[in-house]
Amino acid sequence: MCAVLCALVVLAGCTAAGDQQPADSDTPPGTPTGLTAAAGDGEVSLVWNANPEPDLRGYQVHWGEAGATLDQSAFVTAPAATYTVSGLTNGQPYAFAVEAEDDTGRRSARSDQVLAVPVAVDEDDEDDEEEDGGGEDSTPPTVVASVPADAEVDVARNASIAITFSEPMDEALTEAAWSVEPSIGCAFEWLGTSTTFVCEPSPEMAPDTVHTVTLGTGAADLAGNALAAPFTFTFTTGALVLQVCRFDDPGTRFDACLFAP
């Protein structure tokens, strides 16, 4: 009888232990997805998809000047999945990325980087709208920044080319007004609320070559106001081609590469 009872006790103990699945402390959280950036006056607001892990502690948000190391960071406690980076310089392009962190301190790979350029509020535009009673916008857009910067040298042959505007733009008209000499192929992308226009070169640009980017007056904002004058800048490529980084590669340097899924 004792043997039977002892066996039942052992089995009951095994069943109870089996019902409690310990957290897998060896597996880091998944990489955050859906990161977007909306530029404001001296600040950028970030939003991303919340991670589903039950042991999620929060997120590490990283940022820095575009093209440089993301050397600043802040922690966001779950379940929040938003953060506003303030104290930024208007007209300066910044890059942002997010990592998820669990209760054991394990972190995910960094998310894709997103770019944004803080833009000063145009007080003249606000005064005009007040005088017009919120009437039709008649102020032409302006270019506030470009990446690469004008006259920059040793630009990577597959580096992104971006222009940031003072307000949301008509994407189709702006893309049609874009040109580069010598000509390159572009995969176009828009960031923020149609305020940053990005060309991803395809194929790679020629090495050691001066490129001249021109955005004609056909580029217009959502109200149909065109640029007052063409915008032009130049840059010179070097021999470097940025590596394609994979999130499953622990040796990846995320501050010096392009991203692949």
C-alpha atoms as a PDB file:
ATOM      1  CA  MET A   1       0.000   0.000   0.000  1.00  0.00           C
ATOM      2  CA  CYS A   2       2.809   2.391   0.925  1.00  0.00           C
ATOM      3  CA  ALA A   3       4.495   1.735  -2.389  1.00  0.00           C
ATOM      4  CA  VAL A   4       1.297   2.607  -4.260  1.00  0.00           C
ATOM      5  CA  LEU A   5       0.714   5.799  -2.255  1.00  0.00           C
ATOM      6  CA  CYS A   6       4.324   6.906  -2.679  1.00  0.00           C
ATOM      7  CA  ALA A   7       4.123   6.312  -6.400  1.00  0.00           C
ATOM      8  CA  LEU A   8       0.943   8.421  -6.596  1.00  0.00           C
ATOM      9  CA  VAL A   9       2.620  11.215  -4.649  1.00  0.00           C
ATOM     10  CA  VAL A  10       5.602  11.174  -6.999  1.00  0.00           C
ATOM     11  CA  LEU A  11       3.351  11.228 -10.061  1.00  0.00           C
ATOM     12  CA  ALA A  12       1.282  14.065  -8.626  1.00  0.00           C
ATOM     13  CA  GLY A  13       4.460  16.036  -7.970  1.00  0.00           C
ATOM     14  CA  CYS A  14       5.659  15.490 -11.534  1.00  0.00           C
ATOM     15  CA  THR A  15       2.312  16.607 -12.939  1.00  0.00           C
ATOM     16  CA  ALA A  16       2.335  19.814 -10.910  1.00  0.00           C
ATOM     17  CA  ALA A  17       5.859  20.646 -12.005  1.00  0.00           C
ATOM     18  CA  GLY A  18       4.999  19.922 -15.599  1.00  0.00           C
ATOM     19  CA  ASP A  19       2.067  22.360 -15.478  1.00  0.00           C
ATOM     20  CA  GLN A  20       4.397  25.260 -14.639  1.00  0.00           C
ATOM     21  CA  GLN A  21       6.469  26.063 -17.694  1.00  0.00           C
ATOM     22  CA  PRO A  22       9.471  28.196 -16.701  1.00  0.00           C
ATOM     23  CA  ALA A  23      10.310  31.194 -18.831  1.00  0.00           C
ATOM     24  CA  ASP A  24      12.932  30.467 -21.462  1.00  0.00           C
ATOM     25  CA  SER A  25      15.693  32.722 -20.156  1.00  0.00           C
ATOM     26  CA  ASP A  26      17.991  31.695 -23.000  1.00  0.00           C
ATOM     27  CA  THR A  27      15.793  33.217 -25.709  1.00  0.00           C
ATOM     28  CA  PRO A  28      15.893  37.017 -26.183  1.00  0.00           C
ATOM     29  CA  PRO A  29      12.766  38.948 -27.194  1.00  0.00           C
ATOM     30  CA  GLY A  30      11.866  39.344 -30.852  1.00  0.00           C
ATOM     31  CA  THR A  31      13.149  42.361 -32.761  1.00  0.00           C
ATOM     32  CA  PRO A  32      10.639  45.266 -32.589  1.00  0.00           C
ATOM     33  CA  THR A  33       8.848  45.942 -35.877  1.00  0.00           C
ATOM     34  CA  GLY A  34       6.958  48.797 -37.485  1.00  0.00           C
ATOM     35  CA  LEU A  35       9.152  51.636 -36.191  1.00  0.00           C
ATOM     36  CA  THR A  36       8.069  55.011 -37.598  1.00  0.00           C
ATOM     37  CA  ALA A  37       9.283  58.549 -36.868  1.00  0.00           C
ATOM     38  CA  ALA A  38       7.341  61.816 -37.055  1.00  0.00           C
ATOM     39  CA  ALA A  39       9.436  64.998 -36.976  1.00  0.00           C
ATOM     40  CA  GLY A  40       8.425  68.048 -34.970  1.00  0.00           C
ATOM     41  CA  ASP A  41      10.039  71.275 -33.771  1.00  0.00           C
ATOM     42  CA  GLY A  42      13.264  70.121 -32.094  1.00  0.00           C
ATOM     43  CA  GLU A  43      11.886  66.650 -31.512  1.00  0.00           C
ATOM     44  CA  VAL A  44      10.969  63.365 -33.165  1.00  0.00           C
ATOM     45  CA  SER A  45       8.105  61.114 -32.026  1.00  0.00           C
ATOM     46  CA  LEU A  46       8.679  57.364 -32.405  1.00  0.00           C
ATOM     47  CA  VAL A  47       6.036  54.623 -32.542  1.00  0.00           C
ATOM     48  CA  TRP A  48       6.530  50.867 -32.998  1.00  0.00           C
ATOM     49  CA  ASN A  49       4.599  47.612 -32.664  1.00  0.00           C
ATOM     50  CA  ALA A  50       4.472  46.287 -29.093  1.00  0.00           C
ATOM     51  CA  ASN A  51       6.244  42.963 -28.486  1.00  0.00           C
ATOM     52  CA  PRO A  52       4.081  40.023 -27.303  1.00  0.00           C
ATOM     53  CA  GLU A  53       6.518  38.366 -24.841  1.00  0.00           C
ATOM     54  CA  PRO A  54       5.011  37.968 -21.321  1.00  0.00           C
ATOM     55  CA  ASP A  55       8.389  38.615 -19.644  1.00  0.00           C
ATOM     56  CA  LEU A  56       9.068  41.823 -21.601  1.00  0.00           C
ATOM     57  CA  ARG A  57      10.588  44.569 -19.436  1.00  0.00           C
ATOM     58  CA  GLY A  58      10.616  47.303 -22.062  1.00  0.00           C
ATOM     59  CA  TYR A  59      12.605  48.821 -24.907  1.00  0.00           C
ATOM     60  CA  GLN A  60      15.936  50.524 -25.417  1.00  0.00           C
ATOM     61  CA  VAL A  61      15.565  53.440 -27.847  1.00  0.00           C
ATOM     62  CA  HIS A  62      18.778  54.496 -29.624  1.00  0.00           C
ATOM     63  CA  TRP A  63      19.433  57.595 -31.718  1.00  0.00           C
ATOM     64  CA  GLY A  64      22.193  59.737 -33.173  1.00  0.00           C
ATOM     65  CA  GLU A  65      23.039  61.907 -36.146  1.00  0.00           C
ATOM     66  CA  ALA A  66      22.368  60.138 -39.448  1.00  0.00           C
ATOM     67  CA  GLY A  67      25.449  58.358 -40.749  1.00  0.00           C
ATOM     68  CA  ALA A  68      27.101  58.243 -37.323  1.00  0.00           C
ATOM     69  CA  THR A  69      26.965  55.902 -34.325  1.00  0.00           C
ATOM     70  CA  LEU A  70      23.641  55.855 -32.456  1.00  0.00           C
ATOM     71  CA  ASP A  71      25.337  56.999 -29.261  1.00  0.00           C
ATOM     72  CA  GLN A  72      22.322  58.171 -27.258  1.00  0.00           C
ATOM     73  CA  SER A  73      19.640  56.003 -25.682  1.00  0.00           C
ATOM     74  CA  ALA A  74      16.664  55.916 -23.346  1.00  0.00           C
ATOM     75  CA  PHE A  75      14.645  53.126 -21.747  1.00  0.00           C
ATOM     76  CA  VAL A  76      10.872  52.799 -22.262  1.00  0.00           C
ATOM     77  CA  THR A  77       9.021  50.553 -19.805  1.00  0.00           C
ATOM     78  CA  ALA A  78       6.502  48.095 -21.302  1.00  0.00           C
ATOM     79  CA  PRO A  79       3.683  48.120 -22.272  1.00  0.00           C
ATOM     80  CA  ALA A  80       4.421  51.588 -23.737  1.00  0.00           C
ATOM     81  CA  ALA A  81       5.631  51.428 -27.355  1.00  0.00           C
ATOM     82  CA  THR A  82       6.155  55.128 -28.069  1.00  0.00           C
ATOM     83  CA  TYR A  83       8.830  57.671 -27.211  1.00  0.00           C
ATOM     84  CA  THR A  84       9.533  61.304 -28.104  1.00  0.00           C
ATOM     85  CA  VAL A  85      13.178  62.327 -28.437  1.00  0.00           C
ATOM     86  CA  SER A  86      13.501  66.037 -27.621  1.00  0.00           C
ATOM     87  CA  GLY A  87      16.332  68.556 -27.583  1.00  0.00           C
ATOM     88  CA  LEU A  88      17.251  67.845 -31.201  1.00  0.00           C
ATOM     89  CA  THR A  89      18.677  70.336 -33.719  1.00  0.00           C
ATOM     90  CA  ASN A  90      16.241  71.461 -36.398  1.00  0.00           C
ATOM     91  CA  GLY A  91      17.474  70.682 -39.917  1.00  0.00           C
ATOM     92  CA  GLN A  92      19.841  67.934 -38.694  1.00  0.00           C
ATOM     93  CA  PRO A  93      18.987  64.405 -39.942  1.00  0.00           C
ATOM     94  CA  TYR A  94      18.814  61.800 -37.162  1.00  0.00           C
ATOM     95  CA  ALA A  95      18.586  58.009 -37.193  1.00  0.00           C
ATOM     96  CA  PHE A  96      16.631  55.923 -34.692  1.00  0.00           C
ATOM     97  CA  ALA A  97      16.383  52.230 -33.758  1.00  0.00           C
ATOM     98  CA  VAL A  98      14.759  50.160 -30.983  1.00  0.00           C
ATOM     99  CA  GLU A  99      15.683  46.983 -29.062  1.00  0.00           C
ATOM    100  CA  ALA A 100      13.364  44.902 -26.863  1.00  0.00           C
ATOM    101  CA  GLU A 101      14.581  43.801 -23.407  1.00  0.00           C
ATOM    102  CA  ASP A 102      13.178  41.085 -21.124  1.00  0.00           C
ATOM    103  CA  ASP A 103      13.219  40.719 -17.330  1.00  0.00           C
ATOM    104  CA  THR A 104      16.560  38.893 -17.426  1.00  0.00           C
ATOM    105  CA  GLY A 105      18.243  41.724 -19.320  1.00  0.00           C
ATOM    106  CA  ARG A 106      18.475  39.886 -22.637  1.00  0.00           C
ATOM    107  CA  ARG A 107      17.958  42.166 -25.630  1.00  0.00           C
ATOM    108  CA  SER A 108      16.734  41.585 -29.139  1.00  0.00           C
ATOM    109  CA  ALA A 109      18.603  42.628 -32.258  1.00  0.00           C
ATOM    110  CA  ARG A 110      18.029  46.259 -33.184  1.00  0.00           C
ATOM    111  CA  SER A 111      15.152  47.206 -35.413  1.00  0.00           C
ATOM    112  CA  ASP A 112      15.605  48.739 -38.837  1.00  0.00           C
ATOM    113  CA  GLN A 113      16.822  52.320 -38.557  1.00  0.00           C
ATOM    114  CA  VAL A 114      14.449  55.132 -39.511  1.00  0.00           C
ATOM    115  CA  LEU A 115      15.437  58.683 -40.417  1.00  0.00           C
ATOM    116  CA  ALA A 116      13.790  61.963 -39.476  1.00  0.00           C
ATOM    117  CA  VAL A 117      14.737  65.647 -39.515  1.00  0.00           C
ATOM    118  CA  PRO A 118      13.258  67.998 -36.894  1.00  0.00           C
ATOM    119  CA  VAL A 119      11.763  71.105 -38.486  1.00  0.00           C
ATOM    120  CA  ALA A 120      11.124  74.502 -36.881  1.00  0.00           C
ATOM    121  CA  VAL A 121       7.538  75.696 -36.832  1.00  0.00           C
ATOM    122  CA  ASP A 122       7.104  78.491 -39.351  1.00  0.00           C
ATOM    123  CA  GLU A 123       5.499  81.274 -37.296  1.00  0.00           C
ATOM    124  CA  ASP A 124       4.803  83.285 -40.457  1.00  0.00           C
ATOM    125  CA  ASP A 125       2.724  80.395 -41.792  1.00  0.00           C
ATOM    126  CA  GLU A 126       0.777  80.233 -38.529  1.00  0.00           C
ATOM    127  CA  ASP A 127       0.145  83.995 -38.627  1.00  0.00           C
ATOM    128  CA  ASP A 128      -1.008  83.754 -42.252  1.00  0.00           C
ATOM    129  CA  GLU A 129      -3.457  80.981 -41.394  1.00  0.00           C
ATOM    130  CA  GLU A 130      -4.851  82.989 -38.486  1.00  0.00           C
ATOM    131  CA  GLU A 131      -5.296  86.053 -40.720  1.00  0.00           C
ATOM    132  CA  ASP A 132      -6.936  83.962 -43.415  1.00  0.00           C
ATOM    133  CA  GLY A 133      -9.183  82.239 -40.906  1.00  0.00           C
ATOM    134  CA  GLY A 134      -7.522  78.886 -41.647  1.00  0.00           C
ATOM    135  CA  GLY A 135      -7.835  79.418 -45.394  1.00  0.00           C
ATOM    136  CA  GLU A 136      -6.004  77.738 -48.265  1.00  0.00           C
ATOM    137  CA  ASP A 137      -2.252  77.194 -47.895  1.00  0.00           C
ATOM    138  CA  SER A 138      -0.314  79.390 -50.328  1.00  0.00           C
ATOM    139  CA  THR A 139       3.194  79.049 -48.838  1.00  0.00           C
ATOM    140  CA  PRO A 140       5.712  77.132 -50.996  1.00  0.00           C
ATOM    141  CA  PRO A 141       7.644  74.298 -49.324  1.00  0.00           C
ATOM    142  CA  THR A 142      11.353  74.528 -48.637  1.00  0.00           C
ATOM    143  CA  VAL A 143      14.167  71.989 -48.354  1.00  0.00           C
ATOM    144  CA  VAL A 144      15.573  71.844 -44.817  1.00  0.00           C
ATOM    145  CA  ALA A 145      18.238  69.120 -45.181  1.00  0.00           C
ATOM    146  CA  SER A 146      19.858  66.632 -47.515  1.00  0.00           C
ATOM    147  CA  VAL A 147      21.737  63.369 -46.963  1.00  0.00           C
ATOM    148  CA  PRO A 148      24.538  63.281 -48.026  1.00  0.00           C
ATOM    149  CA  ALA A 149      25.281  66.903 -47.198  1.00  0.00           C
ATOM    150  CA  ASP A 150      26.249  69.217 -50.039  1.00  0.00           C
ATOM    151  CA  ALA A 151      29.870  68.649 -51.175  1.00  0.00           C
ATOM    152  CA  GLU A 152      30.270  65.539 -48.977  1.00  0.00           C
ATOM    153  CA  VAL A 153      33.006  63.148 -50.150  1.00  0.00           C
ATOM    154  CA  ASP A 154      33.751  59.421 -49.779  1.00  0.00           C
ATOM    155  CA  VAL A 155      30.054  58.597 -49.781  1.00  0.00           C
ATOM    156  CA  ALA A 156      29.352  54.848 -49.853  1.00  0.00           C
ATOM    157  CA  ARG A 157      28.339  53.636 -53.295  1.00  0.00           C
ATOM    158  CA  ASN A 158      25.074  52.166 -51.970  1.00  0.00           C
ATOM    159  CA  ALA A 159      24.313  54.937 -49.452  1.00  0.00           C
ATOM    160  CA  SER A 160      20.776  56.303 -49.223  1.00  0.00           C
ATOM    161  CA  ILE A 161      20.124  59.761 -50.676  1.00  0.00           C
ATOM    162  CA  ALA A 162      17.474  61.779 -48.819  1.00  0.00           C
ATOM    163  CA  ILE A 163      15.827  65.205 -48.925  1.00  0.00           C
ATOM    164  CA  THR A 164      13.709  66.539 -46.066  1.00  0.00           C
ATOM    165  CA  PHE A 165      11.087  69.236 -46.583  1.00  0.00           C
ATOM    166  CA  SER A 166       9.448  71.809 -44.334  1.00  0.00           C
ATOM    167  CA  GLU A 167       6.027  70.178 -44.805  1.00  0.00           C
ATOM    168  CA  PRO A 168       4.361  67.071 -46.293  1.00  0.00           C
ATOM    169  CA  MET A 169       4.819  66.766 -50.042  1.00  0.00           C
ATOM    170  CA  ASP A 170       2.890  65.415 -53.011  1.00  0.00           C
ATOM    171  CA  GLU A 171       4.853  62.201 -53.458  1.00  0.00           C
ATOM    172  CA  ALA A 172       4.158  61.642 -57.179  1.00  0.00           C
ATOM    173  CA  LEU A 173       4.999  65.226 -58.209  1.00  0.00           C
ATOM    174  CA  THR A 174       8.150  65.272 -56.097  1.00  0.00           C
ATOM    175  CA  GLU A 175       9.456  61.965 -57.454  1.00  0.00           C
ATOM    176  CA  ALA A 176       8.851  63.203 -61.010  1.00  0.00           C
ATOM    177  CA  ALA A 177      10.886  66.357 -60.284  1.00  0.00           C
ATOM    178  CA  TRP A 178      13.933  64.353 -59.107  1.00  0.00           C
ATOM    179  CA  SER A 179      17.039  63.833 -61.237  1.00  0.00           C
ATOM    180  CA  VAL A 180      20.694  62.837 -60.745  1.00  0.00           C
ATOM    181  CA  GLU A 181      23.730  63.296 -63.006  1.00  0.00           C
ATOM    182  CA  PRO A 182      25.199  60.872 -63.852  1.00  0.00           C
ATOM    183  CA  SER A 183      21.916  59.006 -63.824  1.00  0.00           C
ATOM    184  CA  ILE A 184      21.312  56.302 -61.209  1.00  0.00           C
ATOM    185  CA  GLY A 185      18.451  53.919 -60.571  1.00  0.00           C
ATOM    186  CA  CYS A 186      16.374  54.633 -57.467  1.00  0.00           C
ATOM    187  CA  ALA A 187      13.962  52.715 -55.291  1.00  0.00           C
ATOM    188  CA  PHE A 188      11.949  55.574 -53.766  1.00  0.00           C
ATOM    189  CA  GLU A 189      10.672  55.621 -50.174  1.00  0.00           C
ATOM    190  CA  TRP A 190       8.904  58.249 -48.059  1.00  0.00           C
ATOM    191  CA  LEU A 191       9.422  58.657 -44.307  1.00  0.00           C
ATOM    192  CA  GLY A 192       7.428  60.410 -41.624  1.00  0.00           C
ATOM    193  CA  THR A 193       4.286  62.117 -42.945  1.00  0.00           C
ATOM    194  CA  SER A 194       5.658  62.478 -46.499  1.00  0.00           C
ATOM    195  CA  THR A 195       8.289  64.960 -45.343  1.00  0.00           C
ATOM    196  CA  THR A 196      11.458  62.960 -46.125  1.00  0.00           C
ATOM    197  CA  PHE A 197      12.101  61.584 -49.596  1.00  0.00           C
ATOM    198  CA  VAL A 198      14.653  58.751 -49.905  1.00  0.00           C
ATOM    199  CA  CYS A 199      16.374  57.235 -52.945  1.00  0.00           C
ATOM    200  CA  GLU A 200      17.933  53.798 -52.404  1.00  0.00           C
ATOM    201  CA  PRO A 201      20.429  53.440 -55.303  1.00  0.00           C
ATOM    202  CA  SER A 202      20.016  50.339 -57.434  1.00  0.00           C
ATOM    203  CA  PRO A 203      22.465  49.187 -58.679  1.00  0.00           C
ATOM    204  CA  GLU A 204      25.371  50.702 -56.731  1.00  0.00           C
ATOM    205  CA  MET A 205      26.653  54.090 -57.826  1.00  0.00           C
ATOM    206  CA  ALA A 206      29.964  54.381 -59.694  1.00  0.00           C
ATOM    207  CA  PRO A 207      33.042  54.839 -57.468  1.00  0.00           C
ATOM    208  CA  ASP A 208      34.989  58.102 -57.224  1.00  0.00           C
ATOM    209  CA  THR A 209      32.311  60.035 -59.076  1.00  0.00           C
ATOM    210  CA  VAL A 210      30.770  63.465 -58.489  1.00  0.00           C
ATOM    211  CA  HIS A 211      26.964  63.201 -58.483  1.00  0.00           C
ATOM    212  CA  THR A 212      24.677  66.203 -58.839  1.00  0.00           C
ATOM    213  CA  VAL A 213      21.146  65.874 -57.449  1.00  0.00           C
ATOM    214  CA  THR A 214      18.492  68.310 -58.672  1.00  0.00           C
ATOM    215  CA  LEU A 215      14.926  68.669 -57.472  1.00  0.00           C
ATOM    216  CA  GLY A 216      12.996  70.829 -59.907  1.00  0.00           C
ATOM    217  CA  THR A 217      10.131  73.226 -59.269  1.00  0.00           C
ATOM    218  CA  GLY A 218       7.687  70.504 -60.238  1.00  0.00           C
ATOM    219  CA  ALA A 219       8.003  69.253 -56.641  1.00  0.00           C
ATOM    220  CA  ALA A 220       5.007  70.500 -54.680  1.00  0.00           C
ATOM    221  CA  ASP A 221       3.327  70.239 -51.301  1.00  0.00           C
ATOM    222  CA  LEU A 222      -0.111  68.710 -50.714  1.00  0.00           C
ATOM    223  CA  ALA A 223      -1.785  72.055 -51.463  1.00  0.00           C
ATOM    224  CA  GLY A 224      -0.072  72.208 -54.868  1.00  0.00           C
ATOM    225  CA  ASN A 225       2.467  74.890 -53.928  1.00  0.00           C
ATOM    226  CA  ALA A 226       5.697  74.288 -55.855  1.00  0.00           C
ATOM    227  CA  LEU A 227       9.274  74.865 -54.756  1.00  0.00           C
ATOM    228  CA  ALA A 228      10.173  78.500 -55.345  1.00  0.00           C
ATOM    229  CA  ALA A 229      13.440  77.472 -57.045  1.00  0.00           C
ATOM    230  CA  PRO A 230      15.222  74.247 -57.998  1.00  0.00           C
ATOM    231  CA  PHE A 231      17.217  72.627 -55.178  1.00  0.00           C
ATOM    232  CA  THR A 232      20.630  71.213 -56.089  1.00  0.00           C
ATOM    233  CA  PHE A 233      23.439  69.543 -54.137  1.00  0.00           C
ATOM    234  CA  THR A 234      26.489  67.459 -55.009  1.00  0.00           C
ATOM    235  CA  PHE A 235      28.407  64.613 -53.392  1.00  0.00           C
ATOM    236  CA  THR A 236      31.326  62.395 -54.379  1.00  0.00           C
ATOM    237  CA  THR A 237      31.301  58.624 -53.998  1.00  0.00           C
ATOM    238  CA  GLY A 238      34.274  56.665 -52.697  1.00  0.00           C
ATOM    239  CA  ALA A 239      35.091  52.989 -53.093  1.00  0.00           C
ATOM    240  CA  LEU A 240      33.194  51.783 -49.990  1.00  0.00           C
ATOM    241  CA  VAL A 241      30.069  49.644 -50.231  1.00  0.00           C
ATOM    242  CA  LEU A 242      28.156  49.301 -46.951  1.00  0.00           C
ATOM    243  CA  GLN A 243      27.697  45.679 -45.944  1.00  0.00           C
ATOM    244  CA  VAL A 244      24.230  44.165 -45.752  1.00  0.00           C
ATOM    245  CA  CYS A 245      23.548  43.297 -42.108  1.00  0.00           C
ATOM    246  CA  ARG A 246      21.389  40.447 -40.914  1.00  0.00           C
ATOM    247  CA  PHE A 247      19.700  40.472 -37.532  1.00  0.00           C
ATOM    248  CA  ASP A 248      20.702  36.850 -36.883  1.00  0.00           C
ATOM    249  CA  ASP A 249      24.406  37.724 -37.185  1.00  0.00           C
ATOM    250  CA  PRO A 250      25.841  38.541 -33.711  1.00  0.00           C
ATOM    251  CA  GLY A 251      28.844  40.205 -35.331  1.00  0.00           C
ATOM    252  CA  THR A 252      26.762  42.827 -37.121  1.00  0.00           C
ATOM    253  CA  ARG A 253      27.725  46.474 -36.569  1.00  0.00           C
ATOM    254  CA  PHE A 254      24.381  48.206 -36.830  1.00  0.00           C
ATOM    255  CA  ASP A 255      25.873  51.683 -37.095  1.00  0.00           C
ATOM    256  CA  ALA A 256      27.720  50.944 -40.335  1.00  0.00           C
ATOM    257  CA  CYS A 257      25.542  48.906 -42.649  1.00  0.00           C
ATOM    258  CA  LEU A 258      22.346  48.435 -44.574  1.00  0.00           C
ATOM    259  CA  PHE A 259      19.710  46.046 -43.282  1.00  0.00           C
ATOM    260  CA  ALA A 260      18.262  42.769 -44.510  1.00  0.00           C
ATOM    261  CA  PRO A 261      15.510  40.716 -42.861  1.00  0.00           C
END
